[in-house]
PDB file of all heavy atoms in Angstrom:
ATOM      1  N   PHE A   1       3.345   9.289   1.235  1.00  0.00           N
ATOM      2  CA  PHE A   1       1.957   9.903   1.426  1.00  0.00           C
ATOM      3  C   PHE A   1       1.962  10.700   2.624  1.00  0.00           C
ATOM      4  O   PHE A   1       2.318  10.152   3.773  1.00  0.00           O
ATOM      5  CB  PHE A   1       1.043   8.778   1.406  1.00  0.00           C
ATOM      6  CG  PHE A   1      -0.438   9.152   1.899  1.00  0.00           C
ATOM      7  CD1 PHE A   1      -1.159  10.025   0.971  1.00  0.00           C
ATOM      8  CD2 PHE A   1      -1.013   8.616   2.994  1.00  0.00           C
ATOM      9  CE1 PHE A   1      -2.449  10.356   1.317  1.00  0.00           C
ATOM     10  CE2 PHE A   1      -2.310   8.995   3.272  1.00  0.00           C
ATOM     11  CZ  PHE A   1      -2.930   9.870   2.480  1.00  0.00           C
ATOM     12  N   ASP A   2       1.441  11.908   2.542  1.00  0.00           N
ATOM     13  CA  ASP A   2       1.331  12.791   3.796  1.00  0.00           C
ATOM     14  C   ASP A   2       0.009  12.531   4.457  1.00  0.00           C
ATOM     15  O   ASP A   2      -1.112  12.478   3.930  1.00  0.00           O
ATOM     16  CB  ASP A   2       1.379  14.231   3.383  1.00  0.00           C
ATOM     17  CG  ASP A   2       2.759  14.659   2.912  1.00  0.00           C
ATOM     18  OD1 ASP A   2       3.619  13.808   2.764  1.00  0.00           O
ATOM     19  OD2 ASP A   2       2.787  15.923   2.580  1.00  0.00           O
ATOM     20  N   VAL A   3       0.107  12.335   5.825  1.00  0.00           N
ATOM     21  CA  VAL A   3      -1.187  12.019   6.602  1.00  0.00           C
ATOM     22  C   VAL A   3      -0.970  12.527   7.966  1.00  0.00           C
ATOM     23  O   VAL A   3      -0.001  12.127   8.762  1.00  0.00           O
ATOM     24  CB  VAL A   3      -1.594  10.599   6.572  1.00  0.00           C
ATOM     25  CG1 VAL A   3      -0.465   9.756   7.093  1.00  0.00           C
ATOM     26  CG2 VAL A   3      -2.842  10.298   7.394  1.00  0.00           C
ATOM     27  N   ALA A   4      -1.790  13.423   8.508  1.00  0.00           N
ATOM     28  CA  ALA A   4      -1.861  13.768   9.886  1.00  0.00           C
ATOM     29  C   ALA A   4      -0.531  14.129  10.467  1.00  0.00           C
ATOM     30  O   ALA A   4      -0.178  13.617  11.575  1.00  0.00           O
ATOM     31  CB  ALA A   4      -2.619  12.764  10.667  1.00  0.00           C
ATOM     32  N   GLY A   5       0.290  14.943   9.836  1.00  0.00           N
ATOM     33  CA  GLY A   5       1.648  15.352  10.355  1.00  0.00           C
ATOM     34  C   GLY A   5       2.668  14.252  10.176  1.00  0.00           C
ATOM     35  O   GLY A   5       3.841  14.439  10.717  1.00  0.00           O
ATOM     36  N   ALA A   6       2.451  13.339   9.351  1.00  0.00           N
ATOM     37  CA  ALA A   6       3.518  12.265   9.142  1.00  0.00           C
ATOM     38  C   ALA A   6       3.584  12.056   7.630  1.00  0.00           C
ATOM     39  O   ALA A   6       2.711  12.383   6.820  1.00  0.00           O
ATOM     40  CB  ALA A   6       3.172  10.942   9.747  1.00  0.00           C
ATOM     41  N   VAL A   7       4.789  11.667   7.235  1.00  0.00           N
ATOM     42  CA  VAL A   7       4.957  11.226   5.790  1.00  0.00           C
ATOM     43  C   VAL A   7       5.218   9.758   5.731  1.00  0.00           C
ATOM     44  O   VAL A   7       6.265   9.289   6.338  1.00  0.00           O
ATOM     45  CB  VAL A   7       6.173  11.963   5.184  1.00  0.00           C
ATOM     46  CG1 VAL A   7       6.451  11.418   3.746  1.00  0.00           C
ATOM     47  CG2 VAL A   7       5.903  13.491   5.185  1.00  0.00           C
ATOM     48  N   LEU A   8       4.332   8.979   5.234  1.00  0.00           N
ATOM     49  CA  LEU A   8       4.476   7.516   5.194  1.00  0.00           C
ATOM     50  C   LEU A   8       5.200   7.081   3.897  1.00  0.00           C
ATOM     51  O   LEU A   8       4.713   7.394   2.811  1.00  0.00           O
ATOM     52  CB  LEU A   8       3.070   6.809   5.339  1.00  0.00           C
ATOM     53  CG  LEU A   8       2.257   7.174   6.539  1.00  0.00           C
ATOM     54  CD1 LEU A   8       0.898   6.436   6.506  1.00  0.00           C
ATOM     55  CD2 LEU A   8       2.999   6.966   7.779  1.00  0.00           C
ATOM     56  N   THR A   9       6.197   6.233   4.049  1.00  0.00           N
ATOM     57  CA  THR A   9       6.878   5.577   2.850  1.00  0.00           C
ATOM     58  C   THR A   9       6.251   4.183   2.743  1.00  0.00           C
ATOM     59  O   THR A   9       6.010   3.448   3.809  1.00  0.00           O
ATOM     60  CB  THR A   9       8.322   5.519   3.149  1.00  0.00           C
ATOM     61  OG1 THR A   9       8.846   6.813   3.347  1.00  0.00           O
ATOM     62  CG2 THR A   9       9.072   4.764   2.041  1.00  0.00           C
ATOM     63  N   TYR A  10       5.991   3.860   1.499  1.00  0.00           N
ATOM     64  CA  TYR A  10       5.327   2.512   1.237  1.00  0.00           C
ATOM     65  C   TYR A  10       5.749   1.899   0.006  1.00  0.00           C
ATOM     66  O   TYR A  10       6.377   2.591  -0.926  1.00  0.00           O
ATOM     67  CB  TYR A  10       3.795   2.745   1.293  1.00  0.00           C
ATOM     68  CG  TYR A  10       3.278   3.582   0.137  1.00  0.00           C
ATOM     69  CD1 TYR A  10       2.820   2.929  -0.968  1.00  0.00           C
ATOM     70  CD2 TYR A  10       3.188   4.951   0.286  1.00  0.00           C
ATOM     71  CE1 TYR A  10       2.310   3.774  -2.076  1.00  0.00           C
ATOM     72  CE2 TYR A  10       2.675   5.714  -0.716  1.00  0.00           C
ATOM     73  CZ  TYR A  10       2.187   5.084  -1.923  1.00  0.00           C
ATOM     74  OH  TYR A  10       1.722   5.941  -2.899  1.00  0.00           O
ATOM     75  N   ASP A  11       5.500   0.571  -0.173  1.00  0.00           N
ATOM     76  CA  ASP A  11       5.675  -0.131  -1.453  1.00  0.00           C
ATOM     77  C   ASP A  11       4.309  -0.500  -1.874  1.00  0.00           C
ATOM     78  O   ASP A  11       3.578  -1.065  -1.146  1.00  0.00           O
ATOM     79  CB  ASP A  11       6.632  -1.258  -1.188  1.00  0.00           C
ATOM     80  CG  ASP A  11       8.027  -0.932  -0.869  1.00  0.00           C
ATOM     81  OD1 ASP A  11       8.460   0.052  -1.356  1.00  0.00           O
ATOM     82  OD2 ASP A  11       8.668  -1.593  -0.086  1.00  0.00           O
ATOM     83  N   ASP A  12       4.137  -0.388  -3.222  1.00  0.00           N
ATOM     84  CA  ASP A  12       2.894  -0.833  -3.797  1.00  0.00           C
ATOM     85  C   ASP A  12       3.238  -1.688  -5.023  1.00  0.00           C
ATOM     86  O   ASP A  12       3.533  -1.113  -6.130  1.00  0.00           O
ATOM     87  CB  ASP A  12       1.943   0.316  -4.111  1.00  0.00           C
ATOM     88  CG  ASP A  12       0.644  -0.156  -4.683  1.00  0.00           C
ATOM     89  OD1 ASP A  12       0.330  -1.284  -4.836  1.00  0.00           O
ATOM     90  OD2 ASP A  12      -0.237   0.776  -4.968  1.00  0.00           O
ATOM     91  N   GLU A  13       3.271  -2.914  -4.927  1.00  0.00           N
ATOM     92  CA  GLU A  13       3.871  -3.902  -5.947  1.00  0.00           C
ATOM     93  C   GLU A  13       2.767  -4.764  -6.454  1.00  0.00           C
ATOM     94  O   GLU A  13       1.757  -5.042  -5.766  1.00  0.00           O
ATOM     95  CB  GLU A  13       4.980  -4.655  -5.380  1.00  0.00           C
ATOM     96  CG  GLU A  13       6.078  -3.804  -4.781  1.00  0.00           C
ATOM     97  CD  GLU A  13       7.151  -4.575  -4.027  1.00  0.00           C
ATOM     98  OE1 GLU A  13       6.732  -5.044  -2.818  1.00  0.00           O
ATOM     99  OE2 GLU A  13       8.222  -4.705  -4.361  1.00  0.00           O
ATOM    100  N   GLY A  14       3.058  -5.443  -7.593  1.00  0.00           N
ATOM    101  CA  GLY A  14       2.205  -6.438  -8.185  1.00  0.00           C
ATOM    102  C   GLY A  14       1.166  -5.862  -9.091  1.00  0.00           C
ATOM    103  O   GLY A  14       0.951  -4.718  -9.186  1.00  0.00           O
ATOM    104  N   PRO A  15       0.409  -6.810  -9.747  1.00  0.00           N
ATOM    105  CA  PRO A  15      -0.623  -6.464 -10.812  1.00  0.00           C
ATOM    106  C   PRO A  15      -1.758  -5.786 -10.113  1.00  0.00           C
ATOM    107  O   PRO A  15      -2.226  -6.113  -8.991  1.00  0.00           O
ATOM    108  CB  PRO A  15      -0.889  -7.792 -11.458  1.00  0.00           C
ATOM    109  CG  PRO A  15      -0.648  -8.880 -10.415  1.00  0.00           C
ATOM    110  CD  PRO A  15       0.568  -8.297  -9.708  1.00  0.00           C
ATOM    111  N   ARG A  16      -2.403  -4.808 -10.868  1.00  0.00           N
ATOM    112  CA  ARG A  16      -3.637  -4.152 -10.375  1.00  0.00           C
ATOM    113  C   ARG A  16      -4.846  -4.903 -10.908  1.00  0.00           C
ATOM    114  O   ARG A  16      -5.967  -4.548 -10.365  1.00  0.00           O
ATOM    115  CB  ARG A  16      -3.586  -2.761 -10.700  1.00  0.00           C
ATOM    116  CG  ARG A  16      -2.344  -1.918 -10.379  1.00  0.00           C
ATOM    117  CD  ARG A  16      -2.321  -1.803  -8.832  1.00  0.00           C
ATOM    118  NE  ARG A  16      -1.319  -0.805  -8.493  1.00  0.00           N
ATOM    119  CZ  ARG A  16      -0.087  -0.965  -8.299  1.00  0.00           C
ATOM    120  NH1 ARG A  16       0.457  -2.284  -8.528  1.00  0.00           N
ATOM    121  NH2 ARG A  16       0.785  -0.058  -7.891  1.00  0.00           N
ATOM    122  N   ASP A  17      -4.755  -5.763 -11.860  1.00  0.00           N
ATOM    123  CA  ASP A  17      -5.846  -6.229 -12.513  1.00  0.00           C
ATOM    124  C   ASP A  17      -6.219  -7.651 -12.158  1.00  0.00           C
ATOM    125  O   ASP A  17      -7.018  -8.290 -12.824  1.00  0.00           O
ATOM    126  CB  ASP A  17      -5.677  -6.121 -14.107  1.00  0.00           C
ATOM    127  CG  ASP A  17      -4.443  -6.815 -14.570  1.00  0.00           C
ATOM    128  OD1 ASP A  17      -3.717  -7.321 -13.715  1.00  0.00           O
ATOM    129  OD2 ASP A  17      -4.287  -6.840 -15.737  1.00  0.00           O
ATOM    130  N   GLY A  18      -5.609  -8.144 -11.002  1.00  0.00           N
ATOM    131  CA  GLY A  18      -5.889  -9.494 -10.683  1.00  0.00           C
ATOM    132  C   GLY A  18      -7.314  -9.658 -10.012  1.00  0.00           C
ATOM    133  O   GLY A  18      -7.898  -8.757  -9.575  1.00  0.00           O
ATOM    134  N   ALA A  19      -7.739 -10.913  -9.895  1.00  0.00           N
ATOM    135  CA  ALA A  19      -9.001 -11.215  -9.335  1.00  0.00           C
ATOM    136  C   ALA A  19      -8.898 -11.119  -7.786  1.00  0.00           C
ATOM    137  O   ALA A  19     -10.012 -10.899  -7.204  1.00  0.00           O
ATOM    138  CB  ALA A  19      -9.497 -12.520  -9.630  1.00  0.00           C
ATOM    139  N   ASP A  20      -7.829 -11.262  -7.195  1.00  0.00           N
ATOM    140  CA  ASP A  20      -7.661 -11.277  -5.750  1.00  0.00           C
ATOM    141  C   ASP A  20      -7.506  -9.844  -5.250  1.00  0.00           C
ATOM    142  O   ASP A  20      -6.877  -8.966  -5.847  1.00  0.00           O
ATOM    143  CB  ASP A  20      -6.400 -12.097  -5.327  1.00  0.00           C
ATOM    144  CG  ASP A  20      -6.588 -13.566  -5.699  1.00  0.00           C
ATOM    145  OD1 ASP A  20      -7.778 -14.043  -5.572  1.00  0.00           O
ATOM    146  OD2 ASP A  20      -5.638 -14.120  -6.100  1.00  0.00           O
ATOM    147  N   VAL A  21      -8.130  -9.607  -3.969  1.00  0.00           N
ATOM    148  CA  VAL A  21      -7.942  -8.249  -3.403  1.00  0.00           C
ATOM    149  C   VAL A  21      -6.441  -8.179  -2.908  1.00  0.00           C
ATOM    150  O   VAL A  21      -5.719  -9.187  -2.752  1.00  0.00           O
ATOM    151  CB  VAL A  21      -8.866  -8.074  -2.214  1.00  0.00           C
ATOM    152  CG1 VAL A  21     -10.289  -8.280  -2.667  1.00  0.00           C
ATOM    153  CG2 VAL A  21      -8.476  -9.097  -1.039  1.00  0.00           C
ATOM    154  N   PRO A  22      -6.010  -6.874  -2.755  1.00  0.00           N
ATOM    155  CA  PRO A  22      -4.546  -6.669  -2.272  1.00  0.00           C
ATOM    156  C   PRO A  22      -4.320  -7.229  -0.909  1.00  0.00           C
ATOM    157  O   PRO A  22      -5.176  -7.301  -0.094  1.00  0.00           O
ATOM    158  CB  PRO A  22      -4.522  -5.207  -2.330  1.00  0.00           C
ATOM    159  CG  PRO A  22      -5.519  -4.702  -3.147  1.00  0.00           C
ATOM    160  CD  PRO A  22      -6.658  -5.593  -2.987  1.00  0.00           C
ATOM    161  N   LEU A  23      -2.999  -7.572  -0.762  1.00  0.00           N
ATOM    162  CA  LEU A  23      -2.448  -7.999   0.574  1.00  0.00           C
ATOM    163  C   LEU A  23      -1.811  -6.725   1.151  1.00  0.00           C
ATOM    164  O   LEU A  23      -1.108  -6.048   0.537  1.00  0.00           O
ATOM    165  CB  LEU A  23      -1.441  -9.076   0.534  1.00  0.00           C
ATOM    166  CG  LEU A  23      -1.968 -10.380  -0.168  1.00  0.00           C
ATOM    167  CD1 LEU A  23      -0.650 -11.362  -0.188  1.00  0.00           C
ATOM    168  CD2 LEU A  23      -2.990 -11.075   0.638  1.00  0.00           C
ATOM    169  N   VAL A  24      -2.203  -6.457   2.384  1.00  0.00           N
ATOM    170  CA  VAL A  24      -1.725  -5.312   3.095  1.00  0.00           C
ATOM    171  C   VAL A  24      -0.902  -5.744   4.307  1.00  0.00           C
ATOM    172  O   VAL A  24      -1.501  -6.338   5.236  1.00  0.00           O
ATOM    173  CB  VAL A  24      -2.794  -4.290   3.465  1.00  0.00           C
ATOM    174  CG1 VAL A  24      -2.291  -3.082   4.166  1.00  0.00           C
ATOM    175  CG2 VAL A  24      -3.589  -3.798   2.315  1.00  0.00           C
ATOM    176  N   PHE A  25       0.364  -5.512   4.243  1.00  0.00           N
ATOM    177  CA  PHE A  25       1.170  -6.053   5.353  1.00  0.00           C
ATOM    178  C   PHE A  25       1.540  -4.832   6.348  1.00  0.00           C
ATOM    179  O   PHE A  25       2.015  -3.775   5.814  1.00  0.00           O
ATOM    180  CB  PHE A  25       2.557  -6.511   4.793  1.00  0.00           C
ATOM    181  CG  PHE A  25       2.412  -7.896   4.124  1.00  0.00           C
ATOM    182  CD1 PHE A  25       2.042  -7.937   2.714  1.00  0.00           C
ATOM    183  CD2 PHE A  25       2.478  -9.090   4.819  1.00  0.00           C
ATOM    184  CE1 PHE A  25       1.947  -9.136   2.058  1.00  0.00           C
ATOM    185  CE2 PHE A  25       2.331 -10.266   4.144  1.00  0.00           C
ATOM    186  CZ  PHE A  25       2.052 -10.342   2.736  1.00  0.00           C
ATOM    187  N   VAL A  26       1.406  -5.067   7.651  1.00  0.00           N
ATOM    188  CA  VAL A  26       1.602  -4.050   8.565  1.00  0.00           C
ATOM    189  C   VAL A  26       2.625  -4.606   9.566  1.00  0.00           C
ATOM    190  O   VAL A  26       2.324  -5.625  10.380  1.00  0.00           O
ATOM    191  CB  VAL A  26       0.353  -3.680   9.442  1.00  0.00           C
ATOM    192  CG1 VAL A  26       0.520  -2.435  10.238  1.00  0.00           C
ATOM    193  CG2 VAL A  26      -0.807  -3.284   8.331  1.00  0.00           C
ATOM    194  N   HIS A  27       3.791  -3.933   9.810  1.00  0.00           N
ATOM    195  CA  HIS A  27       4.859  -4.458  10.660  1.00  0.00           C
ATOM    196  C   HIS A  27       4.540  -4.022  12.092  1.00  0.00           C
ATOM    197  O   HIS A  27       3.598  -3.325  12.483  1.00  0.00           O
ATOM    198  CB  HIS A  27       6.182  -3.803  10.188  1.00  0.00           C
ATOM    199  CG  HIS A  27       6.305  -2.333  10.398  1.00  0.00           C
ATOM    200  ND1 HIS A  27       6.478  -1.718  11.628  1.00  0.00           N
ATOM    201  CD2 HIS A  27       6.295  -1.319   9.445  1.00  0.00           C
ATOM    202  CE1 HIS A  27       6.529  -0.458  11.413  1.00  0.00           C
ATOM    203  NE2 HIS A  27       6.364  -0.245  10.142  1.00  0.00           N
TER     204      HIS A  27
END
């Protein structure tokens, strides 16, 4: 994803239709 002069690499895993909101991990 391109943002403000950077290209961010990411992983987006797991089901999208679950009842729980996503977990976002920041190193």
